[in-house]
């Protein structure tokens, strides 16, 4: 008999309490302020500043999401029967609807006449968020720290800055909608999204030594 749904329901309340709502709230609020920038500029705004504002909003929200897997009780929950993949997936499932609503609000804050193509910029935002989550999952798998979010957020911010300055033009990611490279750039964003999701899935699996130790009643 599959006990996964029952286990997930039992974990729901404690997981909700331990999610980094403060970090997400601060990041979300700042992101919406950036998204509202073009509207505050009034008639002086153009399409490029609006696009950059949404890109900055996506990065800011992703910085908050980098704290998703922070858990001061990590070493206690590591020995429970529920696998890490289930615990991580539950956290993600609780945050994804919030992220979707937040992004919808960010898009609507940008005036329609200068708003970039929603599909393309949403793909960029999704890939940026996925990279933050993949970094958090990787940090959890490769270290024993209970709060890797700060380091992951710092690494993501540094990567975003360096990518915007040093990324090769032939593999351009940050292009304008009227640029002929727009479609090719978003093919690359799709690859980044898929790669980040793959890293999240791989890092969510319990290490072999821990699974063996847990089965024998020992911690590794």
Protein backbone atom coordinates (compact mmCIF):
# COMPACT_ATOMS: atom_id res chain seq x y z
CA UNK A 1 0.00 0.00 0.00
CA UNK A 2 1.35 3.41 -0.96
CA UNK A 3 1.76 5.55 2.15
CA UNK A 4 3.25 8.58 0.38
CA UNK A 5 0.06 10.74 0.40
CA UNK A 6 -0.48 10.10 4.11
CA UNK A 7 3.14 10.83 4.93
CA UNK A 8 3.01 14.07 2.92
CA UNK A 9 -0.11 15.21 4.79
CA UNK A 10 1.55 14.47 8.11
CA UNK A 11 4.59 16.51 7.10
CA UNK A 12 2.59 19.42 5.72
CA UNK A 13 2.16 21.46 8.91
CA UNK A 14 5.77 21.25 10.16
CA UNK A 15 7.10 21.99 6.68
CA UNK A 16 4.87 25.07 6.34
CA UNK A 17 6.24 26.34 9.66
CA UNK A 18 9.88 25.89 8.62
CA UNK A 19 9.66 27.42 5.14
CA UNK A 20 11.65 30.68 4.75
CA UNK A 21 8.57 32.88 4.44
CA UNK A 22 10.44 35.96 5.63
CA UNK A 23 13.15 35.65 2.97
CA UNK A 24 10.53 34.97 0.30
CA UNK A 25 8.41 37.89 1.48
CA UNK A 26 11.29 40.36 1.46
CA UNK A 27 12.54 39.15 -1.92
CA UNK A 28 9.02 39.18 -3.36
CA UNK A 29 8.34 42.70 -2.10
CA UNK A 30 11.60 44.05 -3.52
CA UNK A 31 10.95 42.24 -6.78
CA UNK A 32 7.54 43.87 -7.14
CA UNK A 33 9.07 47.28 -6.45
CA UNK A 34 11.52 46.76 -9.30
CA UNK A 35 8.72 45.53 -11.58
CA UNK A 36 6.72 48.65 -10.77
CA UNK A 37 9.61 50.89 -11.79
CA UNK A 38 8.52 51.31 -15.43
CA UNK A 39 5.00 52.25 -14.35
CA UNK A 40 6.38 54.88 -11.96
CA UNK A 41 8.47 56.35 -14.78
CA UNK A 42 5.26 57.01 -16.71
CA UNK A 43 5.53 57.97 -20.36
CA UNK A 44 9.32 58.18 -20.19
CA UNK A 45 9.77 54.43 -19.99
CA UNK A 46 10.58 52.18 -22.95
CA UNK A 47 10.60 48.49 -23.62
CA UNK A 48 14.22 47.82 -22.67
CA UNK A 49 14.02 49.27 -19.12
CA UNK A 50 10.79 47.32 -18.59
CA UNK A 51 12.50 44.10 -19.68
CA UNK A 52 15.48 44.77 -17.42
CA UNK A 53 13.15 45.55 -14.51
CA UNK A 54 11.43 42.18 -14.88
CA UNK A 55 14.75 40.38 -15.19
CA UNK A 56 15.98 42.06 -12.02
CA UNK A 57 12.71 41.14 -10.28
CA UNK A 58 13.19 37.50 -11.24
CA UNK A 59 16.74 37.46 -9.87
CA UNK A 60 15.66 39.09 -6.59
CA UNK A 61 12.88 36.55 -6.05
CA UNK A 62 15.27 33.71 -6.87
CA UNK A 63 17.66 35.02 -4.21
CA UNK A 64 14.88 34.58 -1.66
CA UNK A 65 14.06 31.11 -3.00
CA UNK A 66 17.70 30.10 -2.49
CA UNK A 67 16.78 29.75 1.21
CA UNK A 68 14.03 27.19 0.47
CA UNK A 69 15.94 24.20 1.86
CA UNK A 70 17.30 25.93 4.96
CA UNK A 71 16.24 23.80 7.91
CA UNK A 72 17.73 24.04 11.38
CA UNK A 73 16.29 20.58 12.13
CA UNK A 74 17.91 19.02 9.08
CA UNK A 75 20.04 16.53 11.01
CA UNK A 76 16.99 15.42 12.99
CA UNK A 77 14.79 14.88 9.95
CA UNK A 78 17.60 13.08 8.11
CA UNK A 79 16.95 9.92 10.13
CA UNK A 80 13.17 9.78 9.67
CA UNK A 81 11.70 7.22 7.23
CA UNK A 82 10.53 9.95 4.82
CA UNK A 83 13.05 10.33 2.05
CA UNK A 84 14.76 13.59 1.26
CA UNK A 85 13.14 13.69 -2.19
CA UNK A 86 9.69 13.75 -0.58
CA UNK A 87 10.66 16.47 1.88
CA UNK A 88 12.18 18.63 -0.85
CA UNK A 89 9.27 18.09 -3.22
CA UNK A 90 6.78 19.09 -0.54
CA UNK A 91 8.66 22.33 0.09
CA UNK A 92 8.73 23.04 -3.63
CA UNK A 93 5.02 22.25 -4.05
CA UNK A 94 4.13 24.78 -1.36
CA UNK A 95 6.22 27.56 -2.88
CA UNK A 96 5.48 27.12 -6.60
CA UNK A 97 1.90 28.52 -6.40
CA UNK A 98 3.19 31.51 -4.44
CA UNK A 99 5.89 32.08 -7.05
CA UNK A 100 3.36 31.82 -9.89
CA UNK A 101 1.04 34.39 -8.28
CA UNK A 102 3.96 36.68 -7.54
CA UNK A 103 5.23 36.53 -11.11
CA UNK A 104 1.77 37.22 -12.49
CA UNK A 105 1.59 40.33 -10.32
CA UNK A 106 5.06 41.40 -11.48
CA UNK A 107 4.04 41.09 -15.12
CA UNK A 108 0.84 43.06 -14.58
CA UNK A 109 2.72 45.87 -12.87
CA UNK A 110 4.55 46.58 -16.12
CA UNK A 111 2.46 48.76 -18.47
CA UNK A 112 1.05 46.70 -21.31
CA UNK A 113 2.50 48.92 -24.02
CA UNK A 114 6.09 48.27 -22.90
CA UNK A 115 5.66 44.79 -21.41
CA UNK A 116 8.02 42.27 -23.06
CA UNK A 117 6.66 38.99 -24.50
CA UNK A 118 5.29 37.16 -21.47
CA UNK A 119 6.30 33.70 -22.64
CA UNK A 120 9.96 34.51 -23.16
CA UNK A 121 10.48 36.54 -20.01
CA UNK A 122 8.59 33.94 -17.96
CA UNK A 123 10.94 31.26 -19.27
CA UNK A 124 13.86 33.38 -18.11
CA UNK A 125 12.31 33.81 -14.67
CA UNK A 126 11.57 30.08 -14.36
CA UNK A 127 15.13 29.17 -15.31
CA UNK A 128 16.55 31.68 -12.83
CA UNK A 129 14.36 30.29 -10.06
CA UNK A 130 15.29 26.72 -10.99
CA UNK A 131 18.99 27.58 -10.86
CA UNK A 132 18.56 28.93 -7.33
CA UNK A 133 16.71 25.78 -6.24
CA UNK A 134 19.28 23.53 -7.90
CA UNK A 135 22.04 25.38 -6.07
CA UNK A 136 20.24 24.90 -2.76
CA UNK A 137 19.72 21.19 -3.42
CA UNK A 138 23.37 20.78 -4.41
CA UNK A 139 24.53 22.58 -1.27
CA UNK A 140 22.36 20.33 0.92
CA UNK A 141 23.71 17.20 -0.74
CA UNK A 142 27.36 18.23 -0.62
CA UNK A 143 27.52 19.75 2.86
CA UNK A 144 26.22 19.22 6.38
CA UNK A 145 25.20 22.85 6.88
CA UNK A 146 21.64 23.47 7.99
CA UNK A 147 21.34 26.92 6.38
CA UNK A 148 23.10 26.99 3.00
CA UNK A 149 20.77 29.64 1.61
CA UNK A 150 23.03 32.63 2.24
CA UNK A 151 25.95 31.07 0.36
CA UNK A 152 23.69 29.92 -2.49
CA UNK A 153 22.10 33.36 -2.80
CA UNK A 154 25.54 34.99 -2.88
CA UNK A 155 26.73 32.58 -5.56
CA UNK A 156 23.59 33.16 -7.63
CA UNK A 157 23.93 36.94 -7.42
CA UNK A 158 27.60 36.80 -8.41
CA UNK A 159 26.76 34.47 -11.30
CA UNK A 160 24.00 36.77 -12.55
CA UNK A 161 26.30 39.80 -12.48
CA UNK A 162 29.17 38.00 -14.20
CA UNK A 163 26.86 36.47 -16.80
CA UNK A 164 25.42 39.87 -17.70
CA UNK A 165 28.93 41.31 -18.10
CA UNK A 166 31.05 38.45 -19.44
CA UNK A 167 28.70 35.98 -21.16
CA UNK A 168 29.89 35.35 -24.77
CA UNK A 169 27.86 37.19 -27.40
CA UNK A 170 27.56 34.11 -29.58
CA UNK A 171 25.65 32.40 -26.73
CA UNK A 172 23.71 35.51 -25.76
CA UNK A 173 21.03 35.12 -23.10
CA UNK A 174 20.07 38.71 -22.30
CA UNK A 175 18.69 40.05 -25.56
CA UNK A 176 15.81 42.36 -26.46
CA UNK A 177 12.58 41.09 -28.06
CA UNK A 178 13.39 42.91 -31.31
CA UNK A 179 16.81 41.24 -31.50
CA UNK A 180 17.02 38.46 -34.10
CA UNK A 181 18.70 36.29 -31.44
CA UNK A 182 15.61 36.34 -29.16
CA UNK A 183 14.40 32.85 -30.16
CA UNK A 184 17.87 31.29 -30.00
CA UNK A 185 18.53 32.89 -26.62
CA UNK A 186 15.36 31.35 -25.22
CA UNK A 187 16.34 27.96 -26.53
CA UNK A 188 19.37 28.36 -24.29
CA UNK A 189 17.18 29.44 -21.38
CA UNK A 190 15.12 26.27 -21.89
CA UNK A 191 18.29 24.17 -21.75
CA UNK A 192 19.33 25.92 -18.52
CA UNK A 193 15.89 25.26 -17.04
CA UNK A 194 16.02 21.56 -17.89
CA UNK A 195 19.58 21.24 -16.57
CA UNK A 196 18.65 22.96 -13.30
CA UNK A 197 15.63 20.69 -12.84
CA UNK A 198 17.83 17.65 -13.47
CA UNK A 199 20.31 18.82 -10.82
CA UNK A 200 17.41 19.35 -8.38
CA UNK A 201 16.15 15.81 -9.03
CA UNK A 202 19.57 14.18 -8.70
CA UNK A 203 20.52 16.09 -5.56
CA UNK A 204 17.15 15.33 -3.97
CA UNK A 205 17.98 11.62 -3.83
CA UNK A 206 19.29 10.30 -0.54
CA UNK A 207 23.02 9.45 -0.58
CA UNK A 208 23.63 5.71 -0.82
CA UNK A 209 25.57 5.54 2.44
CA UNK A 210 22.79 7.33 4.30
CA UNK A 211 20.12 5.02 2.86
CA UNK A 212 22.13 1.97 3.90
CA UNK A 213 22.87 3.41 7.32
CA UNK A 214 19.22 4.38 7.83
CA UNK A 215 18.12 0.86 6.96
CA UNK A 216 20.47 -0.57 9.58
CA UNK A 217 19.47 1.97 12.22
CA UNK A 218 22.64 4.06 11.97
CA UNK A 219 23.36 7.58 10.76
CA UNK A 220 26.15 8.31 8.30
